[in-house]
Amino acid sequence: MRIIAAAGLLASLVVSGALASQSARADILPVPPFKGNDTGGIIAYSMATQVDARQVAVDHCARYGKVAKFLAVQGYEGGYISFSCRWVPYGAADQPIRTLY
């Protein structure tokens, strides 16, 4: 019985050692330059240098009948611009204006 337990322990050590020697890879899935949903989103700083990031955020939030509010800017390569989509405040126009160009 002790031989079977020792063999099981040895096998588990070999498997866990093989898994531990594998390096973790965080770069398997690429991150898109723009990602968002009905609550907000992020825009890659590299994309923001090529297009108007404000207009991208406004158009995105207008799809949900909301307005964009910018939260933070990481102004370096690899950084992001984050924004939230908020409901149109009371007393404002019924729907946000969406440009079509």
C-alpha atoms as a PDB file:
ATOM      1  CA  MET A   1       0.000   0.000   0.000  1.00  0.00           C
ATOM      2  CA  ARG A   2       2.865   2.348   0.769  1.00  0.00           C
ATOM      3  CA  ILE A   3       4.367   1.696  -2.653  1.00  0.00           C
ATOM      4  CA  ILE A   4       1.143   2.783  -4.394  1.00  0.00           C
ATOM      5  CA  ALA A   5       0.940   5.937  -2.267  1.00  0.00           C
ATOM      6  CA  ALA A   6       4.588   6.741  -2.985  1.00  0.00           C
ATOM      7  CA  ALA A   7       4.054   6.167  -6.706  1.00  0.00           C
ATOM      8  CA  GLY A   8       0.991   8.454  -6.670  1.00  0.00           C
ATOM      9  CA  LEU A   9       2.909  11.153  -4.829  1.00  0.00           C
ATOM     10  CA  LEU A  10       5.801  10.883  -7.288  1.00  0.00           C
ATOM     11  CA  ALA A  11       3.429  11.107 -10.262  1.00  0.00           C
ATOM     12  CA  SER A  12       1.709  14.199  -8.849  1.00  0.00           C
ATOM     13  CA  LEU A  13       5.095  15.869  -8.248  1.00  0.00           C
ATOM     14  CA  VAL A  14       6.165  15.161 -11.825  1.00  0.00           C
ATOM     15  CA  VAL A  15       2.907  16.597 -13.226  1.00  0.00           C
ATOM     16  CA  SER A  16       2.991  19.690 -11.006  1.00  0.00           C
ATOM     17  CA  GLY A  17       6.670  20.225 -11.849  1.00  0.00           C
ATOM     18  CA  ALA A  18       5.880  20.038 -15.555  1.00  0.00           C
ATOM     19  CA  LEU A  19       3.068  22.576 -15.143  1.00  0.00           C
ATOM     20  CA  ALA A  20       5.236  24.883 -13.037  1.00  0.00           C
ATOM     21  CA  SER A  21       7.966  24.909 -15.685  1.00  0.00           C
ATOM     22  CA  GLN A  22       5.509  26.255 -18.271  1.00  0.00           C
ATOM     23  CA  SER A  23       5.693  30.029 -18.511  1.00  0.00           C
ATOM     24  CA  ALA A  24       2.459  31.986 -18.258  1.00  0.00           C
ATOM     25  CA  ARG A  25       1.590  33.969 -21.371  1.00  0.00           C
ATOM     26  CA  ALA A  26      -0.601  37.012 -21.083  1.00  0.00           C
ATOM     27  CA  ASP A  27      -0.127  38.073 -24.711  1.00  0.00           C
ATOM     28  CA  ILE A  28      -2.094  35.258 -26.298  1.00  0.00           C
ATOM     29  CA  LEU A  29      -5.182  37.338 -27.130  1.00  0.00           C
ATOM     30  CA  PRO A  30      -4.639  40.764 -28.671  1.00  0.00           C
ATOM     31  CA  VAL A  31      -6.421  43.716 -27.093  1.00  0.00           C
ATOM     32  CA  PRO A  32      -8.513  45.706 -29.594  1.00  0.00           C
ATOM     33  CA  PRO A  33      -7.810  49.440 -29.936  1.00  0.00           C
ATOM     34  CA  PHE A  34     -11.422  50.224 -28.960  1.00  0.00           C
ATOM     35  CA  LYS A  35     -13.670  48.254 -26.649  1.00  0.00           C
ATOM     36  CA  GLY A  36     -16.916  49.258 -25.023  1.00  0.00           C
ATOM     37  CA  ASN A  37     -20.445  48.433 -23.965  1.00  0.00           C
ATOM     38  CA  ASP A  38     -23.485  50.344 -22.671  1.00  0.00           C
ATOM     39  CA  THR A  39     -21.680  51.513 -19.520  1.00  0.00           C
ATOM     40  CA  GLY A  40     -18.529  52.904 -21.163  1.00  0.00           C
ATOM     41  CA  GLY A  41     -15.305  51.792 -22.760  1.00  0.00           C
ATOM     42  CA  ILE A  42     -11.630  52.286 -23.449  1.00  0.00           C
ATOM     43  CA  ILE A  43      -9.739  53.672 -26.424  1.00  0.00           C
ATOM     44  CA  ALA A  44      -6.078  52.823 -26.987  1.00  0.00           C
ATOM     45  CA  TYR A  45      -3.867  55.904 -26.817  1.00  0.00           C
ATOM     46  CA  SER A  46      -2.224  54.899 -30.103  1.00  0.00           C
ATOM     47  CA  MET A  47      -5.659  54.960 -31.783  1.00  0.00           C
ATOM     48  CA  ALA A  48      -6.473  58.309 -30.170  1.00  0.00           C
ATOM     49  CA  THR A  49      -3.458  59.885 -31.865  1.00  0.00           C
ATOM     50  CA  GLN A  50      -4.868  58.872 -35.267  1.00  0.00           C
ATOM     51  CA  VAL A  51      -8.601  59.577 -34.863  1.00  0.00           C
ATOM     52  CA  ASP A  52     -10.742  61.934 -32.777  1.00  0.00           C
ATOM     53  CA  ALA A  53     -11.214  59.961 -29.555  1.00  0.00           C
ATOM     54  CA  ARG A  54     -13.966  62.284 -28.344  1.00  0.00           C
ATOM     55  CA  GLN A  55     -16.041  61.637 -31.445  1.00  0.00           C
ATOM     56  CA  VAL A  56     -15.516  57.867 -31.167  1.00  0.00           C
ATOM     57  CA  ALA A  57     -16.767  57.918 -27.566  1.00  0.00           C
ATOM     58  CA  VAL A  58     -19.713  60.208 -28.332  1.00  0.00           C
ATOM     59  CA  ASP A  59     -20.850  58.047 -31.257  1.00  0.00           C
ATOM     60  CA  HIS A  60     -20.483  54.886 -29.189  1.00  0.00           C
ATOM     61  CA  CYS A  61     -22.564  56.186 -26.279  1.00  0.00           C
ATOM     62  CA  ALA A  62     -25.189  57.677 -28.621  1.00  0.00           C
ATOM     63  CA  ARG A  63     -25.983  54.153 -29.822  1.00  0.00           C
ATOM     64  CA  TYR A  64     -27.347  53.497 -26.333  1.00  0.00           C
ATOM     65  CA  GLY A  65     -29.070  56.888 -25.999  1.00  0.00           C
ATOM     66  CA  LYS A  66     -26.427  58.150 -23.566  1.00  0.00           C
ATOM     67  CA  VAL A  67     -23.735  60.824 -23.419  1.00  0.00           C
ATOM     68  CA  ALA A  68     -19.995  60.275 -22.958  1.00  0.00           C
ATOM     69  CA  LYS A  69     -18.023  61.414 -19.925  1.00  0.00           C
ATOM     70  CA  PHE A  70     -14.245  60.997 -20.032  1.00  0.00           C
ATOM     71  CA  LEU A  71     -12.698  59.553 -16.898  1.00  0.00           C
ATOM     72  CA  ALA A  72      -8.931  59.152 -17.336  1.00  0.00           C
ATOM     73  CA  VAL A  73      -6.123  59.444 -19.865  1.00  0.00           C
ATOM     74  CA  GLN A  74      -2.886  57.483 -19.819  1.00  0.00           C
ATOM     75  CA  GLY A  75      -0.915  59.666 -22.215  1.00  0.00           C
ATOM     76  CA  TYR A  76       1.794  57.232 -23.292  1.00  0.00           C
ATOM     77  CA  GLU A  77       2.218  54.420 -25.795  1.00  0.00           C
ATOM     78  CA  GLY A  78       0.333  51.405 -24.469  1.00  0.00           C
ATOM     79  CA  GLY A  79      -2.010  53.555 -22.383  1.00  0.00           C
ATOM     80  CA  TYR A  80      -5.765  53.966 -22.648  1.00  0.00           C
ATOM     81  CA  ILE A  81      -8.405  56.666 -22.551  1.00  0.00           C
ATOM     82  CA  SER A  82     -11.402  55.567 -20.485  1.00  0.00           C
ATOM     83  CA  PHE A  83     -14.912  56.948 -20.643  1.00  0.00           C
ATOM     84  CA  SER A  84     -18.333  56.181 -19.228  1.00  0.00           C
ATOM     85  CA  CYS A  85     -21.721  56.349 -20.915  1.00  0.00           C
ATOM     86  CA  ARG A  86     -24.287  58.196 -18.820  1.00  0.00           C
ATOM     87  CA  TRP A  87     -27.960  58.875 -19.251  1.00  0.00           C
ATOM     88  CA  VAL A  88     -28.891  62.223 -20.731  1.00  0.00           C
ATOM     89  CA  PRO A  89     -29.493  64.644 -17.834  1.00  0.00           C
ATOM     90  CA  TYR A  90     -33.001  65.924 -17.147  1.00  0.00           C
ATOM     91  CA  GLY A  91     -33.873  69.080 -19.038  1.00  0.00           C
ATOM     92  CA  ALA A  92     -31.508  68.263 -21.914  1.00  0.00           C
ATOM     93  CA  ALA A  93     -32.603  67.272 -25.404  1.00  0.00           C
ATOM     94  CA  ASP A  94     -34.411  63.935 -25.642  1.00  0.00           C
ATOM     95  CA  GLN A  95     -31.627  62.124 -27.487  1.00  0.00           C
ATOM     96  CA  PRO A  96     -27.923  62.914 -27.865  1.00  0.00           C
ATOM     97  CA  ILE A  97     -26.882  64.211 -31.274  1.00  0.00           C
ATOM     98  CA  ARG A  98     -25.097  61.672 -33.444  1.00  0.00           C
ATOM     99  CA  THR A  99     -23.050  62.825 -36.395  1.00  0.00           C
ATOM    100  CA  LEU A 100     -23.369  60.949 -39.666  1.00  0.00           C
ATOM    101  CA  TYR A 101     -20.134  61.388 -41.584  1.00  0.00           C
END
